[in-house]
Amino acid sequence: MAHVVAEPCFNCKYTDCVVVCPVECFYEGEAILFIHPDECIDCEACVPECPVAAIFHADNLPEEWAGYKDLNAEMAPQCPGITEQKTSMAETHGQCTAPKR
């Protein structure tokens, strides 16, 4: 099982996680990042880097965000890969509502 980016990333899109990923399995959607489930090696390097606690192992995904498992699998192949840190939506647009850790 892979890791999953869930609701707290929506409109935040911090990219601290992508720079520590050893297999470059992150993809950038318009308002959220996605993890490609076939590329993720479950190293968990990204989990502590996410400032809004939006990354979960698929087996530990909170029930209210269960749909994000399929959303990541569907959207990652359709989005461009991201490997470098960018300015977050929270910093540029102030839309992020998730509390930072």
PDB file of N, CA and C in Angstrom:
ATOM      1  N   MET A   1       0.830  -1.197   0.000  1.00  0.00           N
ATOM      2  CA  MET A   1       0.000   0.000   0.000  1.00  0.00           C
ATOM      3  C   MET A   1       0.871   1.256   0.000  1.00  0.00           C
ATOM      4  N   ALA A   2       0.355   2.283  -0.599  1.00  0.00           N
ATOM      5  CA  ALA A   2       1.073   3.545  -0.726  1.00  0.00           C
ATOM      6  C   ALA A   2       0.580   4.567   0.292  1.00  0.00           C
ATOM      7  N   HIS A   3       1.214   5.694   0.263  1.00  0.00           N
ATOM      8  CA  HIS A   3       0.752   6.828   1.053  1.00  0.00           C
ATOM      9  C   HIS A   3      -0.210   7.646   0.203  1.00  0.00           C
ATOM     10  N   VAL A   4      -1.014   8.443   0.874  1.00  0.00           N
ATOM     11  CA  VAL A   4      -2.083   9.191   0.223  1.00  0.00           C
ATOM     12  C   VAL A   4      -2.052  10.634   0.728  1.00  0.00           C
ATOM     13  N   VAL A   5      -2.215  11.586  -0.179  1.00  0.00           N
ATOM     14  CA  VAL A   5      -2.383  12.983   0.199  1.00  0.00           C
ATOM     15  C   VAL A   5      -3.889  13.212   0.364  1.00  0.00           C
ATOM     16  N   ALA A   6      -4.279  13.791   1.498  1.00  0.00           N
ATOM     17  CA  ALA A   6      -5.699  13.951   1.814  1.00  0.00           C
ATOM     18  C   ALA A   6      -6.100  15.424   1.956  1.00  0.00           C
ATOM     19  N   GLU A   7      -7.302  15.641   2.401  1.00  0.00           N
ATOM     20  CA  GLU A   7      -7.981  16.939   2.498  1.00  0.00           C
ATOM     21  C   GLU A   7      -7.141  18.102   3.034  1.00  0.00           C
ATOM     22  N   PRO A   8      -6.334  17.926   4.091  1.00  0.00           N
ATOM     23  CA  PRO A   8      -5.607  19.091   4.604  1.00  0.00           C
ATOM     24  C   PRO A   8      -4.696  19.777   3.582  1.00  0.00           C
ATOM     25  N   CYS A   9      -4.307  19.078   2.525  1.00  0.00           N
ATOM     26  CA  CYS A   9      -3.458  19.671   1.489  1.00  0.00           C
ATOM     27  C   CYS A   9      -4.245  20.601   0.565  1.00  0.00           C
ATOM     28  N   PHE A  10      -5.546  20.411   0.493  1.00  0.00           N
ATOM     29  CA  PHE A  10      -6.367  21.165  -0.458  1.00  0.00           C
ATOM     30  C   PHE A  10      -6.255  22.669  -0.203  1.00  0.00           C
ATOM     31  N   ASN A  11      -5.904  23.408  -1.237  1.00  0.00           N
ATOM     32  CA  ASN A  11      -5.691  24.855  -1.211  1.00  0.00           C
ATOM     33  C   ASN A  11      -4.512  25.281  -0.356  1.00  0.00           C
ATOM     34  N   CYS A  12      -3.697  24.338   0.086  1.00  0.00           N
ATOM     35  CA  CYS A  12      -2.463  24.651   0.822  1.00  0.00           C
ATOM     36  C   CYS A  12      -1.267  24.363  -0.073  1.00  0.00           C
ATOM     37  N   LYS A  13      -1.184  23.117  -0.499  1.00  0.00           N
ATOM     38  CA  LYS A  13      -0.169  22.636  -1.430  1.00  0.00           C
ATOM     39  C   LYS A  13       1.258  23.023  -1.018  1.00  0.00           C
ATOM     40  N   TYR A  14       1.589  22.746   0.244  1.00  0.00           N
ATOM     41  CA  TYR A  14       2.983  22.869   0.667  1.00  0.00           C
ATOM     42  C   TYR A  14       3.776  21.781  -0.056  1.00  0.00           C
ATOM     43  N   THR A  15       4.993  22.082  -0.433  1.00  0.00           N
ATOM     44  CA  THR A  15       5.775  21.116  -1.206  1.00  0.00           C
ATOM     45  C   THR A  15       7.013  20.629  -0.459  1.00  0.00           C
ATOM     46  N   ASP A  16       7.035  20.794   0.845  1.00  0.00           N
ATOM     47  CA  ASP A  16       8.148  20.306   1.656  1.00  0.00           C
ATOM     48  C   ASP A  16       8.344  18.801   1.454  1.00  0.00           C
ATOM     49  N   CYS A  17       7.241  18.100   1.240  1.00  0.00           N
ATOM     50  CA  CYS A  17       7.250  16.640   1.099  1.00  0.00           C
ATOM     51  C   CYS A  17       7.947  16.176  -0.178  1.00  0.00           C
ATOM     52  N   VAL A  18       7.805  16.916  -1.248  1.00  0.00           N
ATOM     53  CA  VAL A  18       8.317  16.439  -2.537  1.00  0.00           C
ATOM     54  C   VAL A  18       9.843  16.400  -2.595  1.00  0.00           C
ATOM     55  N   VAL A  19      10.489  17.288  -1.866  1.00  0.00           N
ATOM     56  CA  VAL A  19      11.955  17.346  -1.937  1.00  0.00           C
ATOM     57  C   VAL A  19      12.622  16.202  -1.177  1.00  0.00           C
ATOM     58  N   VAL A  20      11.904  15.515  -0.306  1.00  0.00           N
ATOM     59  CA  VAL A  20      12.496  14.388   0.428  1.00  0.00           C
ATOM     60  C   VAL A  20      12.117  13.041  -0.161  1.00  0.00           C
ATOM     61  N   CYS A  21      11.257  13.025  -1.163  1.00  0.00           N
ATOM     62  CA  CYS A  21      10.799  11.772  -1.757  1.00  0.00           C
ATOM     63  C   CYS A  21      11.913  11.157  -2.619  1.00  0.00           C
ATOM     64  N   PRO A  22      12.386   9.960  -2.253  1.00  0.00           N
ATOM     65  CA  PRO A  22      13.492   9.367  -3.005  1.00  0.00           C
ATOM     66  C   PRO A  22      13.088   8.786  -4.364  1.00  0.00           C
ATOM     67  N   VAL A  23      11.797   8.627  -4.611  1.00  0.00           N
ATOM     68  CA  VAL A  23      11.367   8.029  -5.875  1.00  0.00           C
ATOM     69  C   VAL A  23      10.535   8.986  -6.742  1.00  0.00           C
ATOM     70  N   GLU A  24      10.406  10.236  -6.318  1.00  0.00           N
ATOM     71  CA  GLU A  24       9.709  11.261  -7.097  1.00  0.00           C
ATOM     72  C   GLU A  24       8.302  10.829  -7.495  1.00  0.00           C
ATOM     73  N   CYS A  25       7.505  10.441  -6.500  1.00  0.00           N
ATOM     74  CA  CYS A  25       6.152   9.945  -6.781  1.00  0.00           C
ATOM     75  C   CYS A  25       5.059  10.970  -6.528  1.00  0.00           C
ATOM     76  N   PHE A  26       5.430  12.250  -6.367  1.00  0.00           N
ATOM     77  CA  PHE A  26       4.441  13.307  -6.159  1.00  0.00           C
ATOM     78  C   PHE A  26       4.076  13.964  -7.488  1.00  0.00           C
ATOM     79  N   TYR A  27       2.804  14.321  -7.587  1.00  0.00           N
ATOM     80  CA  TYR A  27       2.277  14.977  -8.784  1.00  0.00           C
ATOM     81  C   TYR A  27       1.448  16.172  -8.350  1.00  0.00           C
ATOM     82  N   GLU A  28       1.490  17.227  -9.161  1.00  0.00           N
ATOM     83  CA  GLU A  28       0.876  18.488  -8.782  1.00  0.00           C
ATOM     84  C   GLU A  28      -0.436  18.730  -9.505  1.00  0.00           C
ATOM     85  N   GLY A  29      -1.515  18.737  -8.720  1.00  0.00           N
ATOM     86  CA  GLY A  29      -2.815  19.120  -9.237  1.00  0.00           C
ATOM     87  C   GLY A  29      -3.012  20.612  -9.071  1.00  0.00           C
ATOM     88  N   GLU A  30      -4.146  21.096  -9.486  1.00  0.00           N
ATOM     89  CA  GLU A  30      -4.422  22.526  -9.425  1.00  0.00           C
ATOM     90  C   GLU A  30      -4.461  23.056  -7.991  1.00  0.00           C
ATOM     91  N   ALA A  31      -5.037  22.287  -7.066  1.00  0.00           N
ATOM     92  CA  ALA A  31      -5.190  22.765  -5.697  1.00  0.00           C
ATOM     93  C   ALA A  31      -4.667  21.795  -4.643  1.00  0.00           C
ATOM     94  N   ILE A  32      -4.055  20.699  -5.067  1.00  0.00           N
ATOM     95  CA  ILE A  32      -3.605  19.668  -4.144  1.00  0.00           C
ATOM     96  C   ILE A  32      -2.508  18.835  -4.807  1.00  0.00           C
ATOM     97  N   LEU A  33      -1.662  18.229  -3.998  1.00  0.00           N
ATOM     98  CA  LEU A  33      -0.661  17.291  -4.512  1.00  0.00           C
ATOM     99  C   LEU A  33      -1.246  15.888  -4.473  1.00  0.00           C
ATOM    100  N   PHE A  34      -0.677  14.996  -5.266  1.00  0.00           N
ATOM    101  CA  PHE A  34      -1.102  13.601  -5.295  1.00  0.00           C
ATOM    102  C   PHE A  34       0.131  12.711  -5.219  1.00  0.00           C
ATOM    103  N   ILE A  35      -0.036  11.511  -4.669  1.00  0.00           N
ATOM    104  CA  ILE A  35       1.018  10.504  -4.645  1.00  0.00           C
ATOM    105  C   ILE A  35       0.592   9.363  -5.561  1.00  0.00           C
ATOM    106  N   HIS A  36       1.480   8.983  -6.466  1.00  0.00           N
ATOM    107  CA  HIS A  36       1.176   7.875  -7.370  1.00  0.00           C
ATOM    108  C   HIS A  36       1.342   6.570  -6.593  1.00  0.00           C
ATOM    109  N   PRO A  37       0.274   5.794  -6.443  1.00  0.00           N
ATOM    110  CA  PRO A  37       0.344   4.593  -5.606  1.00  0.00           C
ATOM    111  C   PRO A  37       1.269   3.501  -6.137  1.00  0.00           C
ATOM    112  N   ASP A  38       1.505   3.467  -7.436  1.00  0.00           N
ATOM    113  CA  ASP A  38       2.396   2.450  -7.999  1.00  0.00           C
ATOM    114  C   ASP A  38       3.871   2.835  -7.886  1.00  0.00           C
ATOM    115  N   GLU A  39       4.131   4.087  -7.568  1.00  0.00           N
ATOM    116  CA  GLU A  39       5.508   4.564  -7.468  1.00  0.00           C
ATOM    117  C   GLU A  39       5.974   4.728  -6.028  1.00  0.00           C
ATOM    118  N   CYS A  40       5.055   4.940  -5.101  1.00  0.00           N
ATOM    119  CA  CYS A  40       5.383   5.153  -3.693  1.00  0.00           C
ATOM    120  C   CYS A  40       5.966   3.868  -3.104  1.00  0.00           C
ATOM    121  N   ILE A  41       7.082   4.004  -2.392  1.00  0.00           N
ATOM    122  CA  ILE A  41       7.729   2.836  -1.786  1.00  0.00           C
ATOM    123  C   ILE A  41       7.494   2.771  -0.272  1.00  0.00           C
ATOM    124  N   ASP A  42       6.587   3.566   0.233  1.00  0.00           N
ATOM    125  CA  ASP A  42       6.232   3.566   1.660  1.00  0.00           C
ATOM    126  C   ASP A  42       7.401   3.854   2.584  1.00  0.00           C
ATOM    127  N   CYS A  43       8.287   4.719   2.185  1.00  0.00           N
ATOM    128  CA  CYS A  43       9.440   5.045   3.018  1.00  0.00           C
ATOM    129  C   CYS A  43       9.075   5.984   4.166  1.00  0.00           C
ATOM    130  N   GLU A  44       7.962   6.674   4.040  1.00  0.00           N
ATOM    131  CA  GLU A  44       7.430   7.609   5.037  1.00  0.00           C
ATOM    132  C   GLU A  44       8.268   8.871   5.210  1.00  0.00           C
ATOM    133  N   ALA A  45       9.220   9.128   4.336  1.00  0.00           N
ATOM    134  CA  ALA A  45      10.037  10.335   4.446  1.00  0.00           C
ATOM    135  C   ALA A  45       9.189  11.598   4.334  1.00  0.00           C
ATOM    136  N   CYS A  46       8.126  11.536   3.576  1.00  0.00           N
ATOM    137  CA  CYS A  46       7.283  12.702   3.337  1.00  0.00           C
ATOM    138  C   CYS A  46       6.366  13.043   4.518  1.00  0.00           C
ATOM    139  N   VAL A  47       5.991  12.049   5.289  1.00  0.00           N
ATOM    140  CA  VAL A  47       4.983  12.234   6.344  1.00  0.00           C
ATOM    141  C   VAL A  47       5.364  13.323   7.343  1.00  0.00           C
ATOM    142  N   PRO A  48       6.550  13.268   7.954  1.00  0.00           N
ATOM    143  CA  PRO A  48       6.872  14.314   8.931  1.00  0.00           C
ATOM    144  C   PRO A  48       7.161  15.679   8.308  1.00  0.00           C
ATOM    145  N   GLU A  49       7.388  15.719   7.001  1.00  0.00           N
ATOM    146  CA  GLU A  49       7.690  16.983   6.327  1.00  0.00           C
ATOM    147  C   GLU A  49       6.451  17.813   6.022  1.00  0.00           C
ATOM    148  N   CYS A  50       5.286  17.187   5.992  1.00  0.00           N
ATOM    149  CA  CYS A  50       4.054  17.898   5.642  1.00  0.00           C
ATOM    150  C   CYS A  50       3.623  18.785   6.805  1.00  0.00           C
ATOM    151  N   PRO A  51       3.625  20.106   6.616  1.00  0.00           N
ATOM    152  CA  PRO A  51       3.305  21.012   7.718  1.00  0.00           C
ATOM    153  C   PRO A  51       1.828  21.012   8.129  1.00  0.00           C
ATOM    154  N   VAL A  52       0.967  20.396   7.324  1.00  0.00           N
ATOM    155  CA  VAL A  52      -0.462  20.364   7.675  1.00  0.00           C
ATOM    156  C   VAL A  52      -0.958  18.935   7.905  1.00  0.00           C
ATOM    157  N   ALA A  53      -0.046  17.986   8.062  1.00  0.00           N
ATOM    158  CA  ALA A  53      -0.384  16.583   8.351  1.00  0.00           C
ATOM    159  C   ALA A  53      -1.413  16.029   7.368  1.00  0.00           C
ATOM    160  N   ALA A  54      -1.115  16.144   6.078  1.00  0.00           N
ATOM    161  CA  ALA A  54      -2.049  15.719   5.032  1.00  0.00           C
ATOM    162  C   ALA A  54      -1.694  14.373   4.415  1.00  0.00           C
ATOM    163  N   ILE A  55      -0.593  13.751   4.825  1.00  0.00           N
ATOM    164  CA  ILE A  55      -0.138  12.513   4.202  1.00  0.00           C
ATOM    165  C   ILE A  55      -0.318  11.343   5.168  1.00  0.00           C
ATOM    166  N   PHE A  56      -0.998  10.306   4.675  1.00  0.00           N
ATOM    167  CA  PHE A  56      -1.310   9.138   5.486  1.00  0.00           C
ATOM    168  C   PHE A  56      -0.975   7.865   4.715  1.00  0.00           C
ATOM    169  N   HIS A  57      -0.596   6.817   5.445  1.00  0.00           N
ATOM    170  CA  HIS A  57      -0.506   5.513   4.816  1.00  0.00           C
ATOM    171  C   HIS A  57      -1.936   5.122   4.444  1.00  0.00           C
ATOM    172  N   ALA A  58      -2.129   4.499   3.314  1.00  0.00           N
ATOM    173  CA  ALA A  58      -3.481   4.159   2.845  1.00  0.00           C
ATOM    174  C   ALA A  58      -4.259   3.349   3.878  1.00  0.00           C
ATOM    175  N   ASP A  59      -3.570   2.517   4.652  1.00  0.00           N
ATOM    176  CA  ASP A  59      -4.239   1.712   5.679  1.00  0.00           C
ATOM    177  C   ASP A  59      -4.666   2.528   6.891  1.00  0.00           C
ATOM    178  N   ASN A  60      -4.094   3.724   7.055  1.00  0.00           N
ATOM    179  CA  ASN A  60      -4.400   4.584   8.206  1.00  0.00           C
ATOM    180  C   ASN A  60      -5.127   5.859   7.822  1.00  0.00           C
ATOM    181  N   LEU A  61      -5.664   5.906   6.634  1.00  0.00           N
ATOM    182  CA  LEU A  61      -6.363   7.085   6.148  1.00  0.00           C
ATOM    183  C   LEU A  61      -7.652   7.274   6.946  1.00  0.00           C
ATOM    184  N   PRO A  62      -7.860   8.452   7.536  1.00  0.00           N
ATOM    185  CA  PRO A  62      -9.102   8.676   8.278  1.00  0.00           C
ATOM    186  C   PRO A  62     -10.329   8.414   7.405  1.00  0.00           C
ATOM    187  N   GLU A  63     -11.346   7.835   7.986  1.00  0.00           N
ATOM    188  CA  GLU A  63     -12.557   7.438   7.261  1.00  0.00           C
ATOM    189  C   GLU A  63     -13.157   8.583   6.446  1.00  0.00           C
ATOM    190  N   GLU A  64     -13.168   9.784   7.024  1.00  0.00           N
ATOM    191  CA  GLU A  64     -13.780  10.915   6.310  1.00  0.00           C
ATOM    192  C   GLU A  64     -13.025  11.295   5.039  1.00  0.00           C
ATOM    193  N   TRP A  65     -11.802  10.814   4.891  1.00  0.00           N
ATOM    194  CA  TRP A  65     -11.003  11.115   3.707  1.00  0.00           C
ATOM    195  C   TRP A  65     -10.724   9.868   2.878  1.00  0.00           C
ATOM    196  N   ALA A  66     -11.485   8.827   3.056  1.00  0.00           N
ATOM    197  CA  ALA A  66     -11.270   7.549   2.359  1.00  0.00           C
ATOM    198  C   ALA A  66     -11.248   7.716   0.841  1.00  0.00           C
ATOM    199  N   GLY A  67     -12.035   8.626   0.303  1.00  0.00           N
ATOM    200  CA  GLY A  67     -12.094   8.851  -1.135  1.00  0.00           C
ATOM    201  C   GLY A  67     -10.796   9.374  -1.730  1.00  0.00           C
ATOM    202  N   TYR A  68      -9.923   9.900  -0.897  1.00  0.00           N
ATOM    203  CA  TYR A  68      -8.654  10.430  -1.402  1.00  0.00           C
ATOM    204  C   TYR A  68      -7.715   9.329  -1.890  1.00  0.00           C
ATOM    205  N   LYS A  69      -7.907   8.118  -1.415  1.00  0.00           N
ATOM    206  CA  LYS A  69      -7.084   6.999  -1.903  1.00  0.00           C
ATOM    207  C   LYS A  69      -7.316   6.813  -3.402  1.00  0.00           C
ATOM    208  N   ASP A  70      -8.569   6.744  -3.810  1.00  0.00           N
ATOM    209  CA  ASP A  70      -8.896   6.604  -5.231  1.00  0.00           C
ATOM    210  C   ASP A  70      -8.563   7.871  -6.011  1.00  0.00           C
ATOM    211  N   LEU A  71      -8.763   9.025  -5.384  1.00  0.00           N
ATOM    212  CA  LEU A  71      -8.467  10.285  -6.063  1.00  0.00           C
ATOM    213  C   LEU A  71      -6.981  10.389  -6.389  1.00  0.00           C
ATOM    214  N   ASN A  72      -6.111  10.026  -5.449  1.00  0.00           N
ATOM    215  CA  ASN A  72      -4.668  10.044  -5.723  1.00  0.00           C
ATOM    216  C   ASN A  72      -4.325   9.110  -6.868  1.00  0.00           C
ATOM    217  N   ALA A  73      -4.890   7.895  -6.834  1.00  0.00           N
ATOM    218  CA  ALA A  73      -4.615   6.910  -7.883  1.00  0.00           C
ATOM    219  C   ALA A  73      -5.101   7.378  -9.248  1.00  0.00           C
ATOM    220  N   GLU A  74      -6.224   8.059  -9.273  1.00  0.00           N
ATOM    221  CA  GLU A  74      -6.792   8.541 -10.536  1.00  0.00           C
ATOM    222  C   GLU A  74      -6.061   9.764 -11.074  1.00  0.00           C
ATOM    223  N   MET A  75      -5.743  10.708 -10.192  1.00  0.00           N
ATOM    224  CA  MET A  75      -5.212  11.989 -10.653  1.00  0.00           C
ATOM    225  C   MET A  75      -3.695  12.019 -10.852  1.00  0.00           C
ATOM    226  N   ALA A  76      -2.943  11.270 -10.077  1.00  0.00           N
ATOM    227  CA  ALA A  76      -1.482  11.316 -10.207  1.00  0.00           C
ATOM    228  C   ALA A  76      -1.019  11.075 -11.642  1.00  0.00           C
ATOM    229  N   PRO A  77      -1.547  10.062 -12.345  1.00  0.00           N
ATOM    230  CA  PRO A  77      -1.085   9.844 -13.723  1.00  0.00           C
ATOM    231  C   PRO A  77      -1.477  10.966 -14.698  1.00  0.00           C
ATOM    232  N   GLN A  78      -2.424  11.805 -14.307  1.00  0.00           N
ATOM    233  CA  GLN A  78      -2.894  12.872 -15.186  1.00  0.00           C
ATOM    234  C   GLN A  78      -2.195  14.210 -14.945  1.00  0.00           C
ATOM    235  N   CYS A  79      -1.416  14.295 -13.869  1.00  0.00           N
ATOM    236  CA  CYS A  79      -0.800  15.563 -13.476  1.00  0.00           C
ATOM    237  C   CYS A  79       0.711  15.527 -13.691  1.00  0.00           C
ATOM    238  N   PRO A  80       1.322  16.705 -13.785  1.00  0.00           N
ATOM    239  CA  PRO A  80       2.781  16.739 -13.943  1.00  0.00           C
ATOM    240  C   PRO A  80       3.483  16.373 -12.644  1.00  0.00           C
ATOM    241  N   GLY A  81       4.613  15.708 -12.766  1.00  0.00           N
ATOM    242  CA  GLY A  81       5.419  15.387 -11.600  1.00  0.00           C
ATOM    243  C   GLY A  81       5.998  16.645 -10.987  1.00  0.00           C
ATOM    244  N   ILE A  82       6.248  16.583  -9.686  1.00  0.00           N
ATOM    245  CA  ILE A  82       6.855  17.713  -8.993  1.00  0.00           C
ATOM    246  C   ILE A  82       7.965  17.174  -8.100  1.00  0.00           C
ATOM    247  N   THR A  83       9.161  17.765  -8.217  1.00  0.00           N
ATOM    248  CA  THR A  83      10.309  17.306  -7.434  1.00  0.00           C
ATOM    249  C   THR A  83      10.997  18.446  -6.698  1.00  0.00           C
ATOM    250  N   GLU A  84      10.611  19.674  -6.979  1.00  0.00           N
ATOM    251  CA  GLU A  84      11.252  20.820  -6.346  1.00  0.00           C
ATOM    252  C   GLU A  84      10.249  21.605  -5.521  1.00  0.00           C
ATOM    253  N   GLN A  85      10.746  22.212  -4.464  1.00  0.00           N
ATOM    254  CA  GLN A  85       9.884  22.990  -3.590  1.00  0.00           C
ATOM    255  C   GLN A  85       9.439  24.270  -4.289  1.00  0.00           C
ATOM    256  N   LYS A  86       8.163  24.584  -4.108  1.00  0.00           N
ATOM    257  CA  LYS A  86       7.571  25.794  -4.664  1.00  0.00           C
ATOM    258  C   LYS A  86       6.902  26.568  -3.537  1.00  0.00           C
ATOM    259  N   THR A  87       6.563  27.796  -3.808  1.00  0.00           N
ATOM    260  CA  THR A  87       5.797  28.579  -2.853  1.00  0.00           C
ATOM    261  C   THR A  87       4.410  27.970  -2.753  1.00  0.00           C
ATOM    262  N   SER A  88       3.932  27.775  -1.541  1.00  0.00           N
ATOM    263  CA  SER A  88       2.634  27.130  -1.341  1.00  0.00           C
ATOM    264  C   SER A  88       1.487  28.064  -1.688  1.00  0.00           C
ATOM    265  N   MET A  89       0.328  27.484  -1.909  1.00  0.00           N
ATOM    266  CA  MET A  89      -0.883  28.274  -2.127  1.00  0.00           C
ATOM    267  C   MET A  89      -1.217  29.065  -0.869  1.00  0.00           C
ATOM    268  N   ALA A  90      -0.894  28.512   0.270  1.00  0.00           N
ATOM    269  CA  ALA A  90      -1.144  29.202   1.540  1.00  0.00           C
ATOM    270  C   ALA A  90      -0.376  30.514   1.594  1.00  0.00           C
ATOM    271  N   GLU A  91       0.849  30.504   1.074  1.00  0.00           N
ATOM    272  CA  GLU A  91       1.683  31.704   1.093  1.00  0.00           C
ATOM    273  C   GLU A  91       1.307  32.692  -0.004  1.00  0.00           C
ATOM    274  N   THR A  92       0.870  32.196  -1.150  1.00  0.00           N
ATOM    275  CA  THR A  92       0.566  33.102  -2.258  1.00  0.00           C
ATOM    276  C   THR A  92      -0.878  33.581  -2.274  1.00  0.00           C
ATOM    277  N   HIS A  93      -1.806  32.722  -1.817  1.00  0.00           N
ATOM    278  CA  HIS A  93      -3.216  33.079  -1.902  1.00  0.00           C
ATOM    279  C   HIS A  93      -3.922  33.136  -0.549  1.00  0.00           C
ATOM    280  N   GLY A  94      -3.286  32.599   0.478  1.00  0.00           N
ATOM    281  CA  GLY A  94      -3.871  32.627   1.810  1.00  0.00           C
ATOM    282  C   GLY A  94      -5.140  31.800   1.933  1.00  0.00           C
ATOM    283  N   GLN A  95      -5.341  30.787   1.046  1.00  0.00           N
ATOM    284  CA  GLN A  95      -6.568  30.019   1.041  1.00  0.00           C
ATOM    285  C   GLN A  95      -6.535  28.819   1.976  1.00  0.00           C
ATOM    286  N   CYS A  96      -5.372  28.429   2.420  1.00  0.00           N
ATOM    287  CA  CYS A  96      -5.238  27.227   3.249  1.00  0.00           C
ATOM    288  C   CYS A  96      -5.966  27.403   4.577  1.00  0.00           C
ATOM    289  N   THR A  97      -6.811  26.429   4.900  1.00  0.00           N
ATOM    290  CA  THR A  97      -7.536  26.485   6.172  1.00  0.00           C
ATOM    291  C   THR A  97      -7.021  25.455   7.159  1.00  0.00           C
ATOM    292  N   ALA A  98      -6.119  24.587   6.728  1.00  0.00           N
ATOM    293  CA  ALA A  98      -5.568  23.566   7.618  1.00  0.00           C
ATOM    294  C   ALA A  98      -4.556  24.208   8.563  1.00  0.00           C
ATOM    295  N   PRO A  99      -4.607  23.844   9.826  1.00  0.00           N
ATOM    296  CA  PRO A  99      -3.622  24.394  10.769  1.00  0.00           C
ATOM    297  C   PRO A  99      -2.255  23.769  10.541  1.00  0.00           C
ATOM    298  N   LYS A 100      -1.222  24.587  10.602  1.00  0.00           N
ATOM    299  CA  LYS A 100       0.147  24.065  10.493  1.00  0.00           C
ATOM    300  C   LYS A 100       0.516  23.402  11.798  1.00  0.00           C
ATOM    301  N   ARG A 101       1.323  22.355  11.693  1.00  0.00           N
ATOM    302  CA  ARG A 101       1.793  21.677  12.907  1.00  0.00           C
ATOM    303  C   ARG A 101       2.766  22.555  13.640  1.00  0.00           C
TER     304      ARG A 101
END
